[in-house]
């Protein structure tokens, strides 16, 4: 009930006012039955904009940090995400990927829409990064189509680190569903999983027209953070004493 209250009364109208989203290819999203919507991830707002414009309910796998924040703000954030039907996934530890797959298959098993960001994290610079193979595992195990989706303009409206979004037009573009039934029963083949994931990412790239980086976003982020720390330490060592 709260999901539809957010969608039609509380949050949806506000999002449509601020972002003025245009939609292309909405007819590609199945009107019934299980399917995966796989998109690029540029902004915190992505979590809410797509549900606001889709006729069907969609459930996203959200990072567990959104559900475990401290204080009143943390509890309110957790309650909001749970009420909106989002599922927490712990991304730390060796079993993180399996937990996400298990939760995703549970959603698909109910005949629902599952939203996934194959990059695994938000892009910090607006480019599209290499996809993780979890989306391929779920698509093959569940035997469901994958609808590629491109969020265009959300990075400019609310880039990482910006709390309050600016008014900026947004385009949400859906592509034709991708059918991977030819790979049925091959979800344990690494080469197949990589090929399926790359096909999904290429479809997203075609829709979004982003620059593509053949590296995982989390790795590039970590390298950039380490380089920033190194530069800061070198500046500190060059500071005169006394």
C-alpha atoms as a PDB file:
ATOM      1  CA  UNK A   1       0.000   0.000   0.000  1.00  0.00           C
ATOM      2  CA  UNK A   2       2.794   2.400   0.908  1.00  0.00           C
ATOM      3  CA  UNK A   3       4.508   1.669  -2.426  1.00  0.00           C
ATOM      4  CA  UNK A   4       1.494   2.922  -4.377  1.00  0.00           C
ATOM      5  CA  UNK A   5       0.985   5.820  -1.966  1.00  0.00           C
ATOM      6  CA  UNK A   6       4.545   6.925  -2.725  1.00  0.00           C
ATOM      7  CA  UNK A   7       4.096   6.356  -6.445  1.00  0.00           C
ATOM      8  CA  UNK A   8       0.836   8.198  -6.998  1.00  0.00           C
ATOM      9  CA  UNK A   9       0.512  10.663  -4.098  1.00  0.00           C
ATOM     10  CA  UNK A  10       3.677  11.460  -2.175  1.00  0.00           C
ATOM     11  CA  UNK A  11       6.853  10.995  -4.200  1.00  0.00           C
ATOM     12  CA  UNK A  12       5.808  10.284  -7.777  1.00  0.00           C
ATOM     13  CA  UNK A  13       4.240  13.680  -8.551  1.00  0.00           C
ATOM     14  CA  UNK A  14       7.213  15.478  -6.972  1.00  0.00           C
ATOM     15  CA  UNK A  15       9.723  13.490  -9.005  1.00  0.00           C
ATOM     16  CA  UNK A  16       7.831  14.140 -12.205  1.00  0.00           C
ATOM     17  CA  UNK A  17       7.778  17.860 -11.387  1.00  0.00           C
ATOM     18  CA  UNK A  18      11.494  18.123 -10.564  1.00  0.00           C
ATOM     19  CA  UNK A  19      12.937  15.829 -13.240  1.00  0.00           C
ATOM     20  CA  UNK A  20      10.224  16.138 -15.917  1.00  0.00           C
ATOM     21  CA  UNK A  21      11.083  12.633 -17.180  1.00  0.00           C
ATOM     22  CA  UNK A  22      10.440  11.711 -20.794  1.00  0.00           C
ATOM     23  CA  UNK A  23       9.882   8.040 -21.534  1.00  0.00           C
ATOM     24  CA  UNK A  24      10.822   6.076 -24.624  1.00  0.00           C
ATOM     25  CA  UNK A  25      10.134   2.400 -25.281  1.00  0.00           C
ATOM     26  CA  UNK A  26       7.819   1.800 -22.331  1.00  0.00           C
ATOM     27  CA  UNK A  27       5.990  -0.757 -24.472  1.00  0.00           C
ATOM     28  CA  UNK A  28       9.066  -3.006 -24.197  1.00  0.00           C
ATOM     29  CA  UNK A  29       8.413  -3.633 -20.484  1.00  0.00           C
ATOM     30  CA  UNK A  30       6.188  -6.757 -20.217  1.00  0.00           C
ATOM     31  CA  UNK A  31       2.709  -6.005 -18.898  1.00  0.00           C
ATOM     32  CA  UNK A  32       2.731  -9.245 -16.901  1.00  0.00           C
ATOM     33  CA  UNK A  33       5.070 -12.034 -15.864  1.00  0.00           C
ATOM     34  CA  UNK A  34       8.580 -12.057 -14.471  1.00  0.00           C
ATOM     35  CA  UNK A  35      11.298  -9.987 -16.131  1.00  0.00           C
ATOM     36  CA  UNK A  36      14.520  -8.217 -15.281  1.00  0.00           C
ATOM     37  CA  UNK A  37      14.968  -4.513 -15.990  1.00  0.00           C
ATOM     38  CA  UNK A  38      18.727  -3.902 -16.191  1.00  0.00           C
ATOM     39  CA  UNK A  39      19.906  -0.315 -16.283  1.00  0.00           C
ATOM     40  CA  UNK A  40      22.829   2.019 -15.880  1.00  0.00           C
ATOM     41  CA  UNK A  41      23.215   3.645 -12.480  1.00  0.00           C
ATOM     42  CA  UNK A  42      24.132   7.323 -12.355  1.00  0.00           C
ATOM     43  CA  UNK A  43      22.295   8.760  -9.381  1.00  0.00           C
ATOM     44  CA  UNK A  44      20.570   8.021  -6.091  1.00  0.00           C
ATOM     45  CA  UNK A  45      17.410   9.261  -7.812  1.00  0.00           C
ATOM     46  CA  UNK A  46      17.445   6.275 -10.188  1.00  0.00           C
ATOM     47  CA  UNK A  47      15.941   4.128  -7.423  1.00  0.00           C
ATOM     48  CA  UNK A  48      12.782   6.239  -7.425  1.00  0.00           C
ATOM     49  CA  UNK A  49      12.416   7.625 -10.933  1.00  0.00           C
ATOM     50  CA  UNK A  50      11.948   4.284 -12.670  1.00  0.00           C
ATOM     51  CA  UNK A  51       9.270   3.046 -10.225  1.00  0.00           C
ATOM     52  CA  UNK A  52       7.539   6.410 -10.591  1.00  0.00           C
ATOM     53  CA  UNK A  53       7.054   5.997 -14.337  1.00  0.00           C
ATOM     54  CA  UNK A  54       6.462   2.248 -14.646  1.00  0.00           C
ATOM     55  CA  UNK A  55       2.875   1.031 -14.562  1.00  0.00           C
ATOM     56  CA  UNK A  56       3.920  -2.194 -12.848  1.00  0.00           C
ATOM     57  CA  UNK A  57       5.568  -2.485  -9.480  1.00  0.00           C
ATOM     58  CA  UNK A  58       9.312  -3.074  -9.645  1.00  0.00           C
ATOM     59  CA  UNK A  59      11.574  -4.283  -6.843  1.00  0.00           C
ATOM     60  CA  UNK A  60      15.223  -3.269  -6.681  1.00  0.00           C
ATOM     61  CA  UNK A  61      18.070  -4.926  -4.848  1.00  0.00           C
ATOM     62  CA  UNK A  62      19.449  -2.089  -2.704  1.00  0.00           C
ATOM     63  CA  UNK A  63      22.722  -1.992  -0.804  1.00  0.00           C
ATOM     64  CA  UNK A  64      22.365  -2.949   2.855  1.00  0.00           C
ATOM     65  CA  UNK A  65      23.871   0.372   3.990  1.00  0.00           C
ATOM     66  CA  UNK A  66      20.561   2.056   3.169  1.00  0.00           C
ATOM     67  CA  UNK A  67      18.935  -0.098   5.850  1.00  0.00           C
ATOM     68  CA  UNK A  68      21.554   0.094   8.592  1.00  0.00           C
ATOM     69  CA  UNK A  69      22.288   3.818   8.992  1.00  0.00           C
ATOM     70  CA  UNK A  70      22.614   5.193  12.544  1.00  0.00           C
ATOM     71  CA  UNK A  71      20.215   7.494  14.358  1.00  0.00           C
ATOM     72  CA  UNK A  72      16.796   8.755  13.428  1.00  0.00           C
ATOM     73  CA  UNK A  73      17.835   9.498   9.851  1.00  0.00           C
ATOM     74  CA  UNK A  74      19.066   5.924   9.430  1.00  0.00           C
ATOM     75  CA  UNK A  75      15.855   4.433  10.801  1.00  0.00           C
ATOM     76  CA  UNK A  76      13.705   6.659   8.611  1.00  0.00           C
ATOM     77  CA  UNK A  77      15.745   5.769   5.532  1.00  0.00           C
ATOM     78  CA  UNK A  78      15.489   2.053   6.304  1.00  0.00           C
ATOM     79  CA  UNK A  79      11.736   2.295   6.881  1.00  0.00           C
ATOM     80  CA  UNK A  80      11.333   4.196   3.617  1.00  0.00           C
ATOM     81  CA  UNK A  81      13.214   1.622   1.542  1.00  0.00           C
ATOM     82  CA  UNK A  82      11.419  -1.306   3.159  1.00  0.00           C
ATOM     83  CA  UNK A  83       8.025   0.313   2.669  1.00  0.00           C
ATOM     84  CA  UNK A  84       8.888   0.959  -0.977  1.00  0.00           C
ATOM     85  CA  UNK A  85       9.503  -2.758  -1.421  1.00  0.00           C
ATOM     86  CA  UNK A  86      13.277  -2.595  -1.834  1.00  0.00           C
ATOM     87  CA  UNK A  87      15.399  -5.554  -0.713  1.00  0.00           C
ATOM     88  CA  UNK A  88      18.630  -5.069   1.267  1.00  0.00           C
ATOM     89  CA  UNK A  89      21.687  -6.905  -0.011  1.00  0.00           C
ATOM     90  CA  UNK A  90      24.963  -7.064   1.891  1.00  0.00           C
ATOM     91  CA  UNK A  91      27.677  -6.406  -0.680  1.00  0.00           C
ATOM     92  CA  UNK A  92      30.556  -7.352   1.631  1.00  0.00           C
ATOM     93  CA  UNK A  93      32.019 -10.817   2.037  1.00  0.00           C
ATOM     94  CA  UNK A  94      32.510 -13.712  -0.352  1.00  0.00           C
ATOM     95  CA  UNK A  95      28.842 -14.747  -0.290  1.00  0.00           C
ATOM     96  CA  UNK A  96      27.478 -11.292  -1.192  1.00  0.00           C
ATOM     97  CA  UNK A  97      26.877 -12.194  -4.829  1.00  0.00           C
ATOM     98  CA  UNK A  98      25.032 -15.397  -3.967  1.00  0.00           C
ATOM     99  CA  UNK A  99      22.806 -13.535  -1.511  1.00  0.00           C
ATOM    100  CA  UNK A 100      21.832 -11.014  -4.184  1.00  0.00           C
ATOM    101  CA  UNK A 101      21.080 -13.792  -6.672  1.00  0.00           C
ATOM    102  CA  UNK A 102      18.971 -15.653  -4.116  1.00  0.00           C
ATOM    103  CA  UNK A 103      16.917 -12.549  -3.313  1.00  0.00           C
ATOM    104  CA  UNK A 104      16.514 -11.667  -6.990  1.00  0.00           C
ATOM    105  CA  UNK A 105      15.330 -15.153  -7.912  1.00  0.00           C
ATOM    106  CA  UNK A 106      12.779 -14.921  -5.123  1.00  0.00           C
ATOM    107  CA  UNK A 107      11.266 -11.818  -6.720  1.00  0.00           C
ATOM    108  CA  UNK A 108      11.260 -13.381 -10.186  1.00  0.00           C
ATOM    109  CA  UNK A 109       9.733 -16.566  -8.809  1.00  0.00           C
ATOM    110  CA  UNK A 110       6.661 -14.534  -7.863  1.00  0.00           C
ATOM    111  CA  UNK A 111       6.239 -13.353 -11.451  1.00  0.00           C
ATOM    112  CA  UNK A 112       7.329  -9.806 -10.638  1.00  0.00           C
ATOM    113  CA  UNK A 113       9.658  -7.208 -12.157  1.00  0.00           C
ATOM    114  CA  UNK A 114      13.181  -7.076 -10.750  1.00  0.00           C
ATOM    115  CA  UNK A 115      15.345  -3.995 -11.165  1.00  0.00           C
ATOM    116  CA  UNK A 116      19.111  -4.512 -11.359  1.00  0.00           C
ATOM    117  CA  UNK A 117      22.135  -2.294 -11.901  1.00  0.00           C
ATOM    118  CA  UNK A 118      24.700  -4.703 -13.417  1.00  0.00           C
ATOM    119  CA  UNK A 119      27.553  -2.272 -12.704  1.00  0.00           C
ATOM    120  CA  UNK A 120      27.017  -3.000  -9.007  1.00  0.00           C
ATOM    121  CA  UNK A 121      27.397   0.618  -7.901  1.00  0.00           C
ATOM    122  CA  UNK A 122      26.752   4.148  -9.080  1.00  0.00           C
ATOM    123  CA  UNK A 123      29.036   5.557 -11.725  1.00  0.00           C
ATOM    124  CA  UNK A 124      31.162   8.278 -10.135  1.00  0.00           C
ATOM    125  CA  UNK A 125      31.948  10.040 -13.409  1.00  0.00           C
ATOM    126  CA  UNK A 126      28.978   9.428 -15.682  1.00  0.00           C
ATOM    127  CA  UNK A 127      30.618   6.650 -17.715  1.00  0.00           C
ATOM    128  CA  UNK A 128      29.264   3.117 -18.125  1.00  0.00           C
ATOM    129  CA  UNK A 129      31.321   0.381 -16.490  1.00  0.00           C
ATOM    130  CA  UNK A 130      31.724  -3.368 -16.935  1.00  0.00           C
ATOM    131  CA  UNK A 131      28.757  -5.411 -15.734  1.00  0.00           C
ATOM    132  CA  UNK A 132      28.878  -8.128 -13.107  1.00  0.00           C
ATOM    133  CA  UNK A 133      27.585 -11.544 -14.137  1.00  0.00           C
ATOM    134  CA  UNK A 134      24.906 -11.862 -11.436  1.00  0.00           C
ATOM    135  CA  UNK A 135      22.309 -10.476 -13.833  1.00  0.00           C
ATOM    136  CA  UNK A 136      23.140 -13.255 -16.303  1.00  0.00           C
ATOM    137  CA  UNK A 137      22.875 -15.948 -13.621  1.00  0.00           C
ATOM    138  CA  UNK A 138      19.405 -14.747 -12.628  1.00  0.00           C
ATOM    139  CA  UNK A 139      18.209 -14.400 -16.218  1.00  0.00           C
ATOM    140  CA  UNK A 140      19.288 -17.943 -17.103  1.00  0.00           C
ATOM    141  CA  UNK A 141      18.175 -19.599 -13.879  1.00  0.00           C
ATOM    142  CA  UNK A 142      14.755 -17.944 -13.930  1.00  0.00           C
ATOM    143  CA  UNK A 143      14.381 -18.171 -17.703  1.00  0.00           C
ATOM    144  CA  UNK A 144      13.172 -14.568 -17.975  1.00  0.00           C
ATOM    145  CA  UNK A 145      13.776 -11.780 -20.504  1.00  0.00           C
ATOM    146  CA  UNK A 146      16.033  -8.839 -19.714  1.00  0.00           C
ATOM    147  CA  UNK A 147      14.821  -5.359 -20.627  1.00  0.00           C
ATOM    148  CA  UNK A 148      17.749  -2.929 -21.008  1.00  0.00           C
ATOM    149  CA  UNK A 149      17.171   0.555 -19.661  1.00  0.00           C
ATOM    150  CA  UNK A 150      19.118   3.815 -19.870  1.00  0.00           C
ATOM    151  CA  UNK A 151      18.737   6.663 -17.407  1.00  0.00           C
ATOM    152  CA  UNK A 152      19.853   9.842 -19.178  1.00  0.00           C
ATOM    153  CA  UNK A 153      20.242  13.126 -17.319  1.00  0.00           C
ATOM    154  CA  UNK A 154      20.091  11.863 -13.741  1.00  0.00           C
ATOM    155  CA  UNK A 155      23.856  12.278 -13.306  1.00  0.00           C
ATOM    156  CA  UNK A 156      23.528  15.975 -14.122  1.00  0.00           C
ATOM    157  CA  UNK A 157      20.444  16.318 -11.926  1.00  0.00           C
ATOM    158  CA  UNK A 158      21.916  14.582  -8.873  1.00  0.00           C
ATOM    159  CA  UNK A 159      25.511  13.387  -9.190  1.00  0.00           C
ATOM    160  CA  UNK A 160      27.036  11.314  -6.377  1.00  0.00           C
ATOM    161  CA  UNK A 161      27.481  13.420  -3.256  1.00  0.00           C
ATOM    162  CA  UNK A 162      24.720  15.912  -4.076  1.00  0.00           C
ATOM    163  CA  UNK A 163      21.868  15.614  -1.573  1.00  0.00           C
ATOM    164  CA  UNK A 164      19.317  17.948  -3.119  1.00  0.00           C
ATOM    165  CA  UNK A 165      18.789  17.414  -6.862  1.00  0.00           C
ATOM    166  CA  UNK A 166      18.663  20.308  -9.272  1.00  0.00           C
ATOM    167  CA  UNK A 167      15.881  20.739 -11.787  1.00  0.00           C
ATOM    168  CA  UNK A 168      17.047  18.966 -14.920  1.00  0.00           C
ATOM    169  CA  UNK A 169      15.211  17.086 -17.671  1.00  0.00           C
ATOM    170  CA  UNK A 170      15.591  13.309 -17.617  1.00  0.00           C
ATOM    171  CA  UNK A 171      15.053  10.720 -20.328  1.00  0.00           C
ATOM    172  CA  UNK A 172      14.301   7.096 -19.420  1.00  0.00           C
ATOM    173  CA  UNK A 173      14.744   4.822 -22.417  1.00  0.00           C
ATOM    174  CA  UNK A 174      13.806   1.125 -22.554  1.00  0.00           C
ATOM    175  CA  UNK A 175      15.071  -1.257 -25.231  1.00  0.00           C
ATOM    176  CA  UNK A 176      13.616  -4.416 -26.680  1.00  0.00           C
ATOM    177  CA  UNK A 177      13.661  -7.415 -24.312  1.00  0.00           C
ATOM    178  CA  UNK A 178      16.683  -9.670 -24.649  1.00  0.00           C
ATOM    179  CA  UNK A 179      15.925 -13.398 -24.862  1.00  0.00           C
ATOM    180  CA  UNK A 180      18.600 -15.757 -23.563  1.00  0.00           C
ATOM    181  CA  UNK A 181      16.602 -18.990 -23.726  1.00  0.00           C
ATOM    182  CA  UNK A 182      19.268 -20.383 -26.092  1.00  0.00           C
ATOM    183  CA  UNK A 183      21.556 -20.618 -23.057  1.00  0.00           C
ATOM    184  CA  UNK A 184      19.078 -22.492 -20.841  1.00  0.00           C
ATOM    185  CA  UNK A 185      20.840 -24.748 -18.334  1.00  0.00           C
ATOM    186  CA  UNK A 186      24.230 -23.107 -18.910  1.00  0.00           C
ATOM    187  CA  UNK A 187      24.195 -20.744 -15.909  1.00  0.00           C
ATOM    188  CA  UNK A 188      27.339 -22.377 -14.507  1.00  0.00           C
ATOM    189  CA  UNK A 189      29.420 -21.743 -17.629  1.00  0.00           C
ATOM    190  CA  UNK A 190      31.654 -18.733 -16.974  1.00  0.00           C
ATOM    191  CA  UNK A 191      32.137 -17.904 -20.644  1.00  0.00           C
ATOM    192  CA  UNK A 192      28.367 -17.953 -21.232  1.00  0.00           C
ATOM    193  CA  UNK A 193      27.698 -15.720 -18.230  1.00  0.00           C
ATOM    194  CA  UNK A 194      30.289 -13.225 -19.439  1.00  0.00           C
ATOM    195  CA  UNK A 195      28.837 -13.234 -22.947  1.00  0.00           C
ATOM    196  CA  UNK A 196      25.273 -12.707 -21.694  1.00  0.00           C
ATOM    197  CA  UNK A 197      26.349  -9.902 -19.365  1.00  0.00           C
ATOM    198  CA  UNK A 198      28.328  -8.173 -22.112  1.00  0.00           C
ATOM    199  CA  UNK A 199      25.318  -8.377 -24.440  1.00  0.00           C
ATOM    200  CA  UNK A 200      23.167  -6.721 -21.778  1.00  0.00           C
ATOM    201  CA  UNK A 201      25.747  -3.992 -21.178  1.00  0.00           C
ATOM    202  CA  UNK A 202      26.068  -3.350 -24.915  1.00  0.00           C
ATOM    203  CA  UNK A 203      22.295  -2.901 -25.150  1.00  0.00           C
ATOM    204  CA  UNK A 204      22.403  -0.413 -22.260  1.00  0.00           C
ATOM    205  CA  UNK A 205      25.332   1.375 -23.904  1.00  0.00           C
ATOM    206  CA  UNK A 206      23.445   1.658 -27.192  1.00  0.00           C
ATOM    207  CA  UNK A 207      20.502   3.244 -25.383  1.00  0.00           C
ATOM    208  CA  UNK A 208      22.498   5.571 -23.117  1.00  0.00           C
ATOM    209  CA  UNK A 209      25.305   6.563 -25.535  1.00  0.00           C
ATOM    210  CA  UNK A 210      27.703   6.783 -22.587  1.00  0.00           C
ATOM    211  CA  UNK A 211      31.439   6.295 -22.769  1.00  0.00           C
ATOM    212  CA  UNK A 212      32.224   2.687 -21.868  1.00  0.00           C
ATOM    213  CA  UNK A 213      34.981   1.551 -19.515  1.00  0.00           C
ATOM    214  CA  UNK A 214      35.937  -2.151 -19.586  1.00  0.00           C
ATOM    215  CA  UNK A 215      36.648  -2.222 -15.854  1.00  0.00           C
ATOM    216  CA  UNK A 216      34.496  -2.693 -12.781  1.00  0.00           C
ATOM    217  CA  UNK A 217      33.310   0.615 -11.351  1.00  0.00           C
ATOM    218  CA  UNK A 218      34.167  -0.399  -7.783  1.00  0.00           C
ATOM    219  CA  UNK A 219      37.782  -1.082  -8.783  1.00  0.00           C
ATOM    220  CA  UNK A 220      38.143   2.258 -10.570  1.00  0.00           C
ATOM    221  CA  UNK A 221      36.570   4.063  -7.601  1.00  0.00           C
ATOM    222  CA  UNK A 222      38.983   2.387  -5.179  1.00  0.00           C
ATOM    223  CA  UNK A 223      41.974   3.261  -7.352  1.00  0.00           C
ATOM    224  CA  UNK A 224      40.841   6.887  -7.609  1.00  0.00           C
ATOM    225  CA  UNK A 225      40.350   7.106  -3.839  1.00  0.00           C
ATOM    226  CA  UNK A 226      43.803   5.618  -3.206  1.00  0.00           C
ATOM    227  CA  UNK A 227      45.401   8.068  -5.631  1.00  0.00           C
ATOM    228  CA  UNK A 228      43.625  10.975  -3.926  1.00  0.00           C
ATOM    229  CA  UNK A 229      44.859   9.829  -0.512  1.00  0.00           C
ATOM    230  CA  UNK A 230      48.390   9.474  -1.869  1.00  0.00           C
ATOM    231  CA  UNK A 231      48.329  13.024  -3.280  1.00  0.00           C
ATOM    232  CA  UNK A 232      47.073  14.371   0.035  1.00  0.00           C
ATOM    233  CA  UNK A 233      49.834  12.614   1.968  1.00  0.00           C
ATOM    234  CA  UNK A 234      52.493  13.917  -0.405  1.00  0.00           C
ATOM    235  CA  UNK A 235      51.205  17.485  -0.005  1.00  0.00           C
ATOM    236  CA  UNK A 236      51.263  17.050   3.767  1.00  0.00           C
ATOM    237  CA  UNK A 237      54.880  15.829   3.689  1.00  0.00           C
ATOM    238  CA  UNK A 238      55.904  18.890   1.656  1.00  0.00           C
ATOM    239  CA  UNK A 239      54.369  21.300   4.179  1.00  0.00           C
ATOM    240  CA  UNK A 240      57.010  23.295   6.148  1.00  0.00           C
ATOM    241  CA  UNK A 241      57.260  22.444   9.811  1.00  0.00           C
ATOM    242  CA  UNK A 242      57.194  25.084  12.530  1.00  0.00           C
END
